[in-house]
Amino acid sequence: GPVAETFRVIQGAMTEEHVGSTQGVFQFELSGDGGGTWYIDLKTKGGSAGFGKPPVTADVVMSMSSADFVKMFTGKLKPFMAFL
C-alpha cells in the first residue's frame, strides 16, 4: 500500500550523510489503511526504515492517520498542519 511504498522510498533514499547530520529516530503510530507502528532510524549506522518498533528508542513519536503521513511525505501536507 501507499504507506509501505513511502517507507520503501525513504529507505532507498537514505545515506550516511542523512544519518550523520540528523542523528534522530522517528516512530510513527499510524491509523487507517496500512497503519500500525513504523519508524525511520537516522541514528544507527547505515540507517533504516520500516514496519514495527525502531531498533533503538525513538527520539520522536508521532501519531497521525496513514493518509496524512503519505500526504506529508509527498509534499501535499505541511508537517505543521499535520500536527494541528
N, C-alpha and C. Protein backbone atom coordinates (compact mmCIF):
# COMPACT_ATOMS: atom_id res chain seq x y z
N GLY A 1 0.81 -1.20 0.00
CA GLY A 1 0.00 0.00 0.00
C GLY A 1 0.85 1.26 0.00
N PRO A 2 0.21 2.41 0.03
CA PRO A 2 0.93 3.68 -0.03
C PRO A 2 1.89 3.92 1.13
N VAL A 3 1.53 3.47 2.34
CA VAL A 3 2.42 3.67 3.49
C VAL A 3 3.69 2.84 3.31
N ALA A 4 3.54 1.56 2.99
CA ALA A 4 4.71 0.69 2.79
C ALA A 4 5.58 1.21 1.65
N GLU A 5 4.98 1.69 0.59
CA GLU A 5 5.73 2.24 -0.54
C GLU A 5 6.50 3.49 -0.12
N THR A 6 5.89 4.35 0.70
CA THR A 6 6.57 5.56 1.18
C THR A 6 7.80 5.18 2.00
N PHE A 7 7.67 4.19 2.89
CA PHE A 7 8.82 3.76 3.68
C PHE A 7 9.88 3.09 2.81
N ARG A 8 9.47 2.39 1.76
CA ARG A 8 10.43 1.78 0.84
C ARG A 8 11.25 2.87 0.15
N VAL A 9 10.60 3.94 -0.28
CA VAL A 9 11.29 5.05 -0.93
C VAL A 9 12.24 5.74 0.06
N ILE A 10 11.77 5.96 1.29
CA ILE A 10 12.61 6.58 2.32
C ILE A 10 13.86 5.73 2.55
N GLN A 11 13.69 4.43 2.70
CA GLN A 11 14.83 3.53 2.92
C GLN A 11 15.81 3.62 1.75
N GLY A 12 15.29 3.66 0.53
CA GLY A 12 16.15 3.72 -0.65
C GLY A 12 16.90 5.03 -0.80
N ALA A 13 16.34 6.10 -0.24
CA ALA A 13 16.97 7.42 -0.37
C ALA A 13 17.94 7.73 0.76
N MET A 14 17.98 6.90 1.78
CA MET A 14 18.79 7.14 2.96
C MET A 14 20.28 7.03 2.64
N THR A 15 21.06 7.98 3.17
CA THR A 15 22.51 7.95 3.00
C THR A 15 23.18 8.11 4.36
N GLU A 16 24.47 7.79 4.41
CA GLU A 16 25.24 8.00 5.64
C GLU A 16 25.24 9.48 6.02
N GLU A 17 25.21 10.36 5.01
CA GLU A 17 25.16 11.81 5.27
C GLU A 17 23.88 12.18 6.02
N HIS A 18 22.73 11.62 5.60
CA HIS A 18 21.46 11.86 6.31
C HIS A 18 21.55 11.40 7.76
N VAL A 19 22.11 10.19 7.94
CA VAL A 19 22.23 9.63 9.28
C VAL A 19 23.15 10.51 10.13
N GLY A 20 24.29 10.88 9.58
CA GLY A 20 25.25 11.68 10.32
C GLY A 20 24.75 13.05 10.69
N SER A 21 23.98 13.66 9.80
CA SER A 21 23.51 15.03 10.07
C SER A 21 22.23 15.07 10.91
N THR A 22 21.43 14.01 10.88
CA THR A 22 20.16 14.03 11.60
C THR A 22 20.29 13.49 13.02
N GLN A 23 20.86 12.31 13.15
CA GLN A 23 21.05 11.67 14.46
C GLN A 23 19.75 11.61 15.26
N GLY A 24 18.68 11.12 14.63
CA GLY A 24 17.41 11.00 15.31
C GLY A 24 16.66 9.75 14.87
N VAL A 25 15.77 9.28 15.73
CA VAL A 25 14.92 8.14 15.43
C VAL A 25 13.47 8.58 15.57
N PHE A 26 12.70 8.35 14.53
CA PHE A 26 11.31 8.80 14.47
C PHE A 26 10.40 7.58 14.41
N GLN A 27 9.43 7.55 15.30
CA GLN A 27 8.45 6.46 15.34
C GLN A 27 7.10 7.06 14.96
N PHE A 28 6.39 6.37 14.09
CA PHE A 28 5.09 6.84 13.63
C PHE A 28 4.03 5.83 14.03
N GLU A 29 3.02 6.30 14.76
CA GLU A 29 1.87 5.48 15.12
C GLU A 29 0.76 5.90 14.16
N LEU A 30 0.52 5.08 13.13
CA LEU A 30 -0.40 5.44 12.07
C LEU A 30 -1.73 4.69 12.21
N SER A 31 -2.82 5.42 11.98
CA SER A 31 -4.14 4.80 12.00
C SER A 31 -4.67 4.72 10.57
N GLY A 32 -5.60 3.83 10.33
CA GLY A 32 -6.18 3.69 9.00
C GLY A 32 -5.46 2.64 8.17
N ASP A 33 -5.73 2.65 6.85
CA ASP A 33 -5.14 1.67 5.94
C ASP A 33 -3.62 1.71 5.97
N GLY A 34 -3.00 0.57 6.17
CA GLY A 34 -1.55 0.49 6.23
C GLY A 34 -0.98 1.01 7.53
N GLY A 35 -1.85 1.21 8.52
CA GLY A 35 -1.42 1.77 9.80
C GLY A 35 -0.61 0.79 10.63
N GLY A 36 -0.34 1.21 11.84
CA GLY A 36 0.48 0.43 12.75
C GLY A 36 1.68 1.26 13.16
N THR A 37 2.67 0.60 13.72
CA THR A 37 3.89 1.28 14.15
C THR A 37 4.94 1.15 13.05
N TRP A 38 5.48 2.29 12.64
CA TRP A 38 6.53 2.37 11.61
C TRP A 38 7.64 3.25 12.16
N TYR A 39 8.83 3.18 11.56
CA TYR A 39 9.93 4.01 12.06
C TYR A 39 10.89 4.42 10.94
N ILE A 40 11.64 5.48 11.25
CA ILE A 40 12.77 5.91 10.44
C ILE A 40 13.93 6.11 11.43
N ASP A 41 14.98 5.33 11.27
CA ASP A 41 16.15 5.40 12.15
C ASP A 41 17.28 6.12 11.42
N LEU A 42 17.51 7.36 11.82
CA LEU A 42 18.60 8.15 11.25
C LEU A 42 19.66 8.40 12.32
N LYS A 43 19.87 7.39 13.15
CA LYS A 43 20.86 7.48 14.22
C LYS A 43 21.85 6.32 14.14
N THR A 44 21.35 5.12 13.91
CA THR A 44 22.17 3.92 13.85
C THR A 44 22.91 3.87 12.51
N LYS A 45 24.17 3.43 12.54
CA LYS A 45 24.98 3.38 11.31
C LYS A 45 24.22 2.75 10.16
N GLY A 46 24.19 3.42 9.04
CA GLY A 46 23.50 2.93 7.85
C GLY A 46 22.05 3.35 7.78
N GLY A 47 21.44 3.59 8.93
CA GLY A 47 20.04 3.99 8.96
C GLY A 47 19.13 2.86 8.52
N SER A 48 17.85 3.00 8.84
CA SER A 48 16.87 2.02 8.40
C SER A 48 15.48 2.62 8.54
N ALA A 49 14.54 1.99 7.89
CA ALA A 49 13.14 2.42 7.96
C ALA A 49 12.28 1.20 7.72
N GLY A 50 11.11 1.17 8.36
CA GLY A 50 10.23 0.05 8.12
C GLY A 50 9.13 -0.10 9.14
N PHE A 51 8.49 -1.26 9.09
CA PHE A 51 7.36 -1.57 9.94
C PHE A 51 7.85 -2.11 11.28
N GLY A 52 7.17 -1.72 12.35
CA GLY A 52 7.49 -2.20 13.69
C GLY A 52 8.18 -1.13 14.50
N LYS A 53 8.61 -1.52 15.67
CA LYS A 53 9.31 -0.58 16.56
C LYS A 53 10.73 -0.38 16.04
N PRO A 54 11.30 0.82 16.26
CA PRO A 54 12.68 1.05 15.82
C PRO A 54 13.65 0.20 16.63
N PRO A 55 14.85 -0.04 16.07
CA PRO A 55 15.84 -0.87 16.77
C PRO A 55 16.40 -0.22 18.03
N VAL A 56 16.27 1.09 18.15
CA VAL A 56 16.68 1.81 19.36
C VAL A 56 15.52 2.72 19.76
N THR A 57 15.58 3.26 20.97
CA THR A 57 14.49 4.10 21.47
C THR A 57 14.27 5.32 20.57
N ALA A 58 13.02 5.60 20.26
CA ALA A 58 12.68 6.74 19.40
C ALA A 58 12.90 8.05 20.14
N ASP A 59 13.42 9.04 19.40
CA ASP A 59 13.56 10.40 19.93
C ASP A 59 12.26 11.17 19.79
N VAL A 60 11.49 10.82 18.76
CA VAL A 60 10.22 11.49 18.47
C VAL A 60 9.18 10.42 18.13
N VAL A 61 8.00 10.53 18.71
CA VAL A 61 6.89 9.63 18.36
C VAL A 61 5.75 10.51 17.85
N MET A 62 5.29 10.21 16.64
CA MET A 62 4.21 10.99 16.03
C MET A 62 3.02 10.07 15.78
N SER A 63 1.82 10.56 16.10
CA SER A 63 0.59 9.81 15.83
C SER A 63 -0.21 10.58 14.79
N MET A 64 -0.61 9.90 13.74
CA MET A 64 -1.40 10.53 12.68
C MET A 64 -2.06 9.45 11.83
N SER A 65 -2.95 9.88 10.96
CA SER A 65 -3.56 8.92 10.05
C SER A 65 -2.56 8.54 8.97
N SER A 66 -2.70 7.34 8.44
CA SER A 66 -1.80 6.91 7.38
C SER A 66 -1.95 7.81 6.15
N ALA A 67 -3.17 8.30 5.90
CA ALA A 67 -3.40 9.20 4.76
C ALA A 67 -2.62 10.50 4.93
N ASP A 68 -2.62 11.08 6.14
CA ASP A 68 -1.87 12.31 6.39
C ASP A 68 -0.37 12.06 6.29
N PHE A 69 0.09 10.89 6.76
CA PHE A 69 1.51 10.56 6.66
C PHE A 69 1.96 10.56 5.21
N VAL A 70 1.21 9.88 4.35
CA VAL A 70 1.57 9.82 2.93
C VAL A 70 1.53 11.22 2.32
N LYS A 71 0.52 12.01 2.65
CA LYS A 71 0.44 13.38 2.13
C LYS A 71 1.64 14.20 2.59
N MET A 72 2.04 14.05 3.85
CA MET A 72 3.16 14.81 4.38
C MET A 72 4.45 14.47 3.64
N PHE A 73 4.70 13.18 3.39
CA PHE A 73 5.95 12.78 2.74
C PHE A 73 5.93 12.94 1.23
N THR A 74 4.76 13.23 0.66
CA THR A 74 4.71 13.51 -0.77
C THR A 74 4.55 15.00 -1.03
N GLY A 75 4.64 15.81 0.04
CA GLY A 75 4.61 17.27 -0.10
C GLY A 75 3.22 17.85 -0.23
N LYS A 76 2.19 17.07 0.02
CA LYS A 76 0.81 17.56 -0.13
C LYS A 76 0.24 18.07 1.19
N LEU A 77 1.01 17.91 2.28
CA LEU A 77 0.57 18.39 3.60
C LEU A 77 1.79 18.86 4.36
N LYS A 78 1.78 20.10 4.80
CA LYS A 78 2.89 20.63 5.57
C LYS A 78 2.90 19.98 6.96
N PRO A 79 4.09 19.60 7.48
CA PRO A 79 4.16 18.92 8.78
C PRO A 79 3.45 19.68 9.90
N PHE A 80 3.55 21.00 9.91
CA PHE A 80 2.89 21.78 10.97
C PHE A 80 1.38 21.60 10.91
N MET A 81 0.81 21.55 9.72
CA MET A 81 -0.64 21.37 9.58
C MET A 81 -1.03 19.96 10.02
N ALA A 82 -0.18 18.98 9.78
CA ALA A 82 -0.47 17.62 10.24
C ALA A 82 -0.48 17.58 11.77
N PHE A 83 0.41 18.36 12.37
CA PHE A 83 0.48 18.43 13.84
C PHE A 83 -0.81 19.00 14.40
N LEU A 84 -1.37 20.00 13.76
CA LEU A 84 -2.60 20.62 14.24
C LEU A 84 -3.77 19.69 14.04
